[in-house]
Protein backbone atom coordinates (compact mmCIF):
# COMPACT_ATOMS: atom_id res chain seq x y z
CA MET A 1 -0.49 0.67 -10.61
CA CYS A 2 0.51 1.59 -6.78
CA ILE A 3 4.04 1.37 -4.65
CA ILE A 4 4.41 0.04 -1.16
CA PHE A 5 7.46 0.55 1.33
CA PHE A 6 7.76 -0.43 4.45
CA LYS A 7 9.90 -0.97 7.66
CA PHE A 8 8.93 -3.68 9.86
CA ASP A 9 10.11 -3.91 13.22
CA PRO A 10 8.13 -5.56 15.46
CA ARG A 11 9.40 -5.29 18.61
CA PRO A 12 11.90 -1.90 18.75
CA ALA A 13 14.82 -1.55 20.72
CA SER A 14 14.52 1.56 21.62
CA LYS A 15 11.11 3.18 22.90
CA ASN A 16 11.42 6.32 20.67
CA ALA A 17 10.90 3.48 17.82
CA TYR A 18 8.32 2.48 15.41
CA ARG A 19 6.26 -1.06 15.10
CA LEU A 20 5.37 0.15 11.32
CA ILE A 21 6.75 2.70 9.52
CA LEU A 22 4.65 2.24 6.02
CA ALA A 23 4.95 4.80 2.75
CA ALA A 24 2.62 4.32 -0.47
CA ASN A 25 1.79 5.74 -3.84
CA ARG A 26 -2.64 4.45 -5.08
CA ASP A 27 -1.96 5.71 -8.69
CA GLU A 28 -5.68 4.73 -10.79
CA LEU A 29 -7.48 6.83 -13.26
CA TYR A 30 -7.10 10.43 -12.07
CA ASN A 31 -11.48 10.15 -12.44
CA ARG A 32 -11.93 7.16 -11.06
CA PRO A 33 -14.82 8.44 -8.32
CA SER A 34 -13.34 7.51 -4.86
CA LYS A 35 -13.26 8.74 -1.23
CA ALA A 36 -10.46 10.17 0.61
CA ALA A 37 -8.86 8.55 3.53
CA ASP A 38 -11.39 8.94 6.29
CA PHE A 39 -13.15 6.42 9.45
CA TRP A 40 -15.73 4.63 8.26
CA GLY A 41 -18.26 2.67 9.81
CA SER A 42 -21.75 3.32 12.70
CA ASN A 43 -17.92 3.03 15.75
CA ASN A 44 -15.12 4.66 14.04
CA GLU A 45 -13.14 1.34 14.01
CA ILE A 46 -11.82 1.24 10.71
CA LEU A 47 -10.17 4.63 8.61
CA SER A 48 -9.30 4.11 4.48
CA GLY A 49 -10.15 5.70 1.85
CA LEU A 50 -12.80 3.99 -0.27
CA ASP A 51 -13.08 2.38 -3.96
CA GLN A 52 -17.20 4.39 -5.29
CA GLU A 53 -16.36 2.95 -8.97
CA GLU A 54 -19.66 1.53 -9.36
CA GLY A 55 -20.25 -1.93 -8.65
CA LYS A 56 -17.05 -2.35 -6.37
CA GLU A 57 -18.30 0.15 -3.53
CA GLY A 58 -16.44 0.15 -0.86
CA GLY A 59 -13.36 -1.15 -1.60
CA SER A 60 -10.35 -0.21 -0.69
CA TRP A 61 -6.60 -0.27 -1.58
CA LEU A 62 -5.00 -0.05 2.54
CA GLY A 63 -6.74 0.49 5.41
CA ILE A 64 -5.91 0.28 9.28
CA SER A 65 -8.26 -0.43 11.84
CA ARG A 66 -8.47 0.92 16.29
CA ARG A 67 -8.08 -2.11 16.64
CA GLY A 68 -4.56 -3.11 14.82
CA LYS A 69 -5.39 -4.18 11.35
CA LEU A 70 -4.40 -3.27 8.56
CA ALA A 71 -4.77 -4.12 4.72
CA ALA A 72 -2.83 -3.40 2.50
CA LEU A 73 -3.33 -4.29 -2.09
CA THR A 74 -1.13 -3.62 -5.02
CA ASN A 75 -2.44 -5.22 -8.84
CA TYR A 76 0.00 -7.44 -10.13
CA MET A 77 0.50 -6.36 -14.10
CA GLU A 78 -0.67 -8.51 -16.55
CA GLY A 79 -1.51 -7.02 -20.24
CA ARG A 80 -5.01 -8.40 -20.94
CA PRO A 81 -6.35 -9.21 -17.51
CA ASN A 82 -10.46 -10.18 -17.00
CA PRO A 83 -13.02 -8.02 -16.80
CA ASP A 84 -15.43 -10.61 -14.93
CA ALA A 85 -12.61 -10.89 -12.08
CA GLN A 86 -14.12 -10.36 -8.77
CA GLY A 87 -13.15 -6.87 -7.12
CA ARG A 88 -9.54 -6.46 -5.05
CA GLY A 89 -10.33 -3.86 -3.75
CA PHE A 90 -12.62 -5.75 -1.08
CA LEU A 91 -9.77 -8.37 -0.15
CA VAL A 92 -8.72 -4.49 1.98
CA SER A 93 -12.33 -4.11 3.46
CA ASN A 94 -12.97 -7.94 4.90
CA TYR A 95 -9.91 -7.91 6.60
CA LEU A 96 -10.45 -5.31 8.21
CA THR A 97 -14.24 -5.85 8.99
CA ASP A 98 -13.59 -9.72 9.34
CA SER A 99 -12.29 -11.04 13.01
CA VAL A 100 -9.68 -13.87 11.31
CA ASP A 101 -5.98 -13.50 12.21
CA SER A 102 -4.23 -12.44 9.39
CA PHE A 103 -2.70 -15.74 8.47
CA SER A 104 -5.87 -17.55 8.36
CA TYR A 105 -7.34 -15.13 6.09
CA LEU A 106 -4.30 -14.88 3.66
CA ARG A 107 -4.68 -18.92 3.46
CA LYS A 108 -8.54 -18.06 2.90
CA VAL A 109 -7.95 -15.94 0.12
CA SER A 110 -5.35 -18.02 -1.50
CA ALA A 111 -8.39 -20.57 -2.22
CA GLU A 112 -10.20 -18.19 -3.44
CA GLY A 113 -6.99 -16.73 -5.87
CA HIS A 114 -8.82 -17.53 -9.20
CA LEU A 115 -11.70 -16.09 -8.71
CA TYR A 116 -9.78 -11.81 -8.30
CA ASN A 117 -6.68 -10.37 -11.75
CA GLY A 118 -3.10 -11.09 -9.96
CA PHE A 119 -2.46 -8.80 -6.99
CA ASN A 120 -0.57 -8.76 -4.30
CA LEU A 121 -2.11 -8.61 -0.63
CA LEU A 122 -0.35 -7.00 3.33
CA THR A 123 -2.29 -8.05 6.43
CA ALA A 124 -0.67 -6.87 9.43
CA GLU A 125 -2.04 -7.61 12.89
CA PHE A 126 -0.33 -4.67 16.25
CA ARG A 127 -0.75 -5.95 19.93
CA ALA A 128 0.39 -5.26 22.84
CA ASN A 129 1.24 -9.20 23.13
CA GLU A 130 2.98 -9.87 19.69
CA ASP A 131 2.20 -8.12 16.06
CA THR A 132 2.15 -10.09 12.92
CA MET A 133 2.35 -9.24 8.67
CA CYS A 134 2.04 -11.36 6.39
CA TYR A 135 2.10 -11.34 2.31
CA TYR A 136 0.12 -13.27 -0.16
CA GLY A 137 0.78 -12.68 -3.80
CA ASN A 138 -1.95 -15.15 -6.04
CA LYS A 139 0.77 -15.20 -9.60
CA GLY A 140 3.62 -16.32 -7.15
CA SER A 141 3.83 -18.60 -4.08
CA PRO A 142 0.06 -21.25 -3.95
CA GLU A 143 0.67 -20.03 0.19
CA PRO A 144 0.94 -17.32 2.26
CA VAL A 145 4.29 -15.78 4.16
CA ARG A 146 4.56 -14.44 7.61
CA LEU A 147 7.68 -11.38 6.97
CA LYS A 148 10.40 -11.00 9.62
CA PRO A 149 11.30 -8.33 10.38
CA GLY A 150 12.85 -5.72 8.15
CA ILE A 151 12.53 -3.54 5.04
CA TYR A 152 10.87 -4.32 2.79
CA GLY A 153 8.56 -2.92 -1.41
CA LEU A 154 6.36 -3.95 -3.00
CA SER A 155 5.17 -2.64 -6.56
CA ASN A 156 3.46 -4.35 -9.19
CA SER A 157 5.40 -7.93 -9.59
CA LEU A 158 5.37 -10.25 -6.18
CA LEU A 159 7.35 -8.41 -3.43
CA GLU A 160 10.84 -7.32 -3.66
CA THR A 161 10.73 -7.92 -7.07
CA PRO A 162 13.43 -5.91 -7.95
CA TRP A 163 12.18 -3.49 -10.63
CA ARG A 164 14.16 -0.18 -10.96
CA LYS A 165 11.54 1.80 -9.20
CA LEU A 166 11.46 -0.88 -6.56
CA GLN A 167 14.77 -0.85 -5.50
CA GLN A 168 15.53 3.13 -6.25
CA GLY A 169 12.52 4.01 -4.00
CA LYS A 170 13.13 1.46 -1.10
CA ARG A 171 17.61 2.73 -0.89
CA LEU A 172 16.39 6.20 -0.66
CA PHE A 173 13.39 4.85 1.96
CA SER A 174 16.22 3.01 3.73
CA ASN A 175 18.13 6.49 4.57
CA VAL A 176 15.07 8.06 5.74
CA VAL A 177 14.43 5.68 7.76
CA GLY A 178 17.48 4.61 8.87
CA ARG A 179 17.85 8.65 10.77
CA THR A 180 16.64 9.83 13.93
CA LEU A 181 13.78 12.34 12.29
CA PRO A 182 10.74 14.34 14.31
CA PRO A 183 7.65 12.29 13.22
CA ASP A 184 6.87 15.56 11.03
CA GLY A 185 9.91 14.84 9.55
CA LEU A 186 9.94 11.66 8.77
CA VAL A 187 6.49 11.99 7.16
CA GLN A 188 7.85 15.05 4.52
CA GLU A 189 11.21 13.07 3.84
CA LEU A 190 8.80 9.92 2.72
CA LEU A 191 6.88 12.22 0.78
CA GLN A 192 10.01 13.10 -1.31
CA ILE A 193 9.46 9.78 -1.64
CA LEU A 194 6.38 8.53 -2.77
CA ASN A 195 6.86 12.43 -5.66
CA ASN A 196 9.79 11.53 -7.29
CA GLU A 197 9.61 11.43 -11.32
CA GLU A 198 12.04 10.76 -12.18
CA LEU A 199 12.31 7.61 -14.93
CA ASN A 200 13.52 4.42 -14.15
CA THR A 201 14.22 3.30 -17.35
CA PRO A 202 15.37 0.52 -19.58
CA ASP A 203 13.15 -1.74 -17.27
CA PRO A 204 14.25 -5.67 -18.71
CA VAL A 205 12.36 -6.60 -15.91
CA GLN A 206 9.61 -4.57 -15.79
CA GLU A 207 8.77 -4.73 -19.55
CA SER A 208 8.89 -8.39 -19.27
CA GLN A 209 6.38 -8.44 -17.43
CA GLY A 210 4.26 -5.58 -18.99
CA ASP A 211 3.31 -7.16 -22.45
CA GLY A 212 -0.01 -5.37 -24.05
CA TYR A 213 1.58 -2.05 -22.79
CA SER A 214 2.44 1.06 -24.87
CA LYS A 215 6.48 2.20 -24.89
CA PRO A 216 5.19 5.67 -23.25
CA LEU A 217 2.89 3.89 -20.24
CA LEU A 218 5.65 1.61 -19.67
CA ARG A 219 8.23 4.52 -18.59
CA ALA A 220 5.65 6.37 -16.83
CA LEU A 221 5.27 3.87 -15.01
CA SER A 222 9.48 3.12 -14.04
CA ALA A 223 8.92 6.39 -12.16
CA VAL A 224 7.93 5.97 -8.10
CA CYS A 225 5.61 8.41 -9.22
CA VAL A 226 3.14 8.60 -12.07
CA ARG A 227 2.78 10.22 -14.59
CA ALA A 228 0.22 9.94 -17.65
CA PRO A 229 -2.18 11.31 -19.66
CA GLY A 230 -4.93 10.53 -16.76
CA TYR A 231 -4.01 8.09 -15.30
CA GLY A 232 -0.93 8.44 -12.40
CA THR A 233 -0.43 9.28 -8.42
CA ARG A 234 -3.16 10.51 -6.50
CA THR A 235 -2.44 9.31 -3.52
CA ASN A 236 0.13 9.15 -0.74
CA THR A 237 -0.28 7.58 2.87
CA ILE A 238 2.23 7.58 5.63
CA ILE A 239 1.57 5.32 8.46
CA LEU A 240 3.43 5.86 11.59
CA ILE A 241 3.55 2.70 14.54
CA ASP A 242 5.02 3.77 17.71
CA ALA A 243 6.59 1.31 20.02
CA ALA A 244 3.36 2.88 22.43
CA GLY A 245 0.70 1.75 19.97
CA LYS A 246 0.12 5.27 18.77
CA VAL A 247 -0.77 5.88 15.32
CA THR A 248 0.08 8.67 12.61
CA PHE A 249 -1.70 7.88 9.60
CA THR A 250 -1.10 11.27 6.32
CA GLU A 251 -3.15 11.28 4.21
CA ARG A 252 -2.00 12.90 0.28
CA THR A 253 -4.47 13.16 -2.11
CA MET A 254 -5.30 14.75 -5.67
CA MET A 255 -8.72 16.77 -5.63
CA ASN A 256 -10.39 17.03 -8.83
CA SER A 257 -8.36 15.61 -11.13
CA ASP A 258 -5.93 18.09 -11.10
CA ILE A 259 -2.18 17.62 -10.46
CA THR A 260 -2.33 20.67 -9.48
CA GLN A 261 -5.03 20.48 -6.48
CA TRP A 262 -3.66 18.91 -3.43
CA SER A 263 -5.63 17.98 0.36
CA THR A 264 -4.08 16.31 3.21
CA ASN A 265 -5.31 14.64 6.53
CA THR A 266 -3.49 14.02 9.27
CA PHE A 267 -4.90 10.91 11.22
CA GLN A 268 -3.60 10.12 15.43
CA PHE A 269 -5.31 7.81 16.93
CA GLN A 270 -4.48 5.22 19.81
CA LEU A 271 -4.23 1.50 19.52
CA ASN A 272 -7.34 -0.50 21.35
CA GLU A 273 -4.52 -3.03 22.62
């Protein structure tokens, strides 16, 4: 399970505003092997965390390139996924390394959507002349969509599905991004939202999709920050892209499968626009 809140503002009116503000949680088994966010590849072009699960090494859940390509993935909650389906994390890595544009990539992915368990995929390009953000979910419309400027929430159902945790988090996110805060203050406020463990139950909409999940696990999954035995929120990521193309990427990630041990790293760079 994962959750993403983002504000897409491709041509901000103020030079102090942001073209993108994104706050995301990765929820996963605490002991699943992963590499914390860093630049990878021979030319330090792409920044992301990486999956190191056997057979799925090199997949990712969220990443950005110096060329302005960004991708983010969430799984779609389903009680009985296919154990033989293709690894979804490569959908992110392949986009970041491909030269194809965001919408064309999702068109290609949509033709192969049946090969994967349920997923949602955001792809974006931040360019000097145009910013584009697109969405495709293989449990929804057969065609990807280009997103209009606005504030969005995405969890483990289709984009903007009104789960209570999504509505609560989006409301808090909207309040924070609507204020004028220095970058450090904005990051800290967003991290507070991502680490909100308040349960949002009962939630008939979420529960109806969770056929096959135990009631205790569904309760745990109703929080923005998930805490269940051996499973939950293990990475927070904040991405800011300002009007001039400066990227601030902050990752707070769990260490040693221990919810009391965390490491925070921030990367800053200029887009090659």
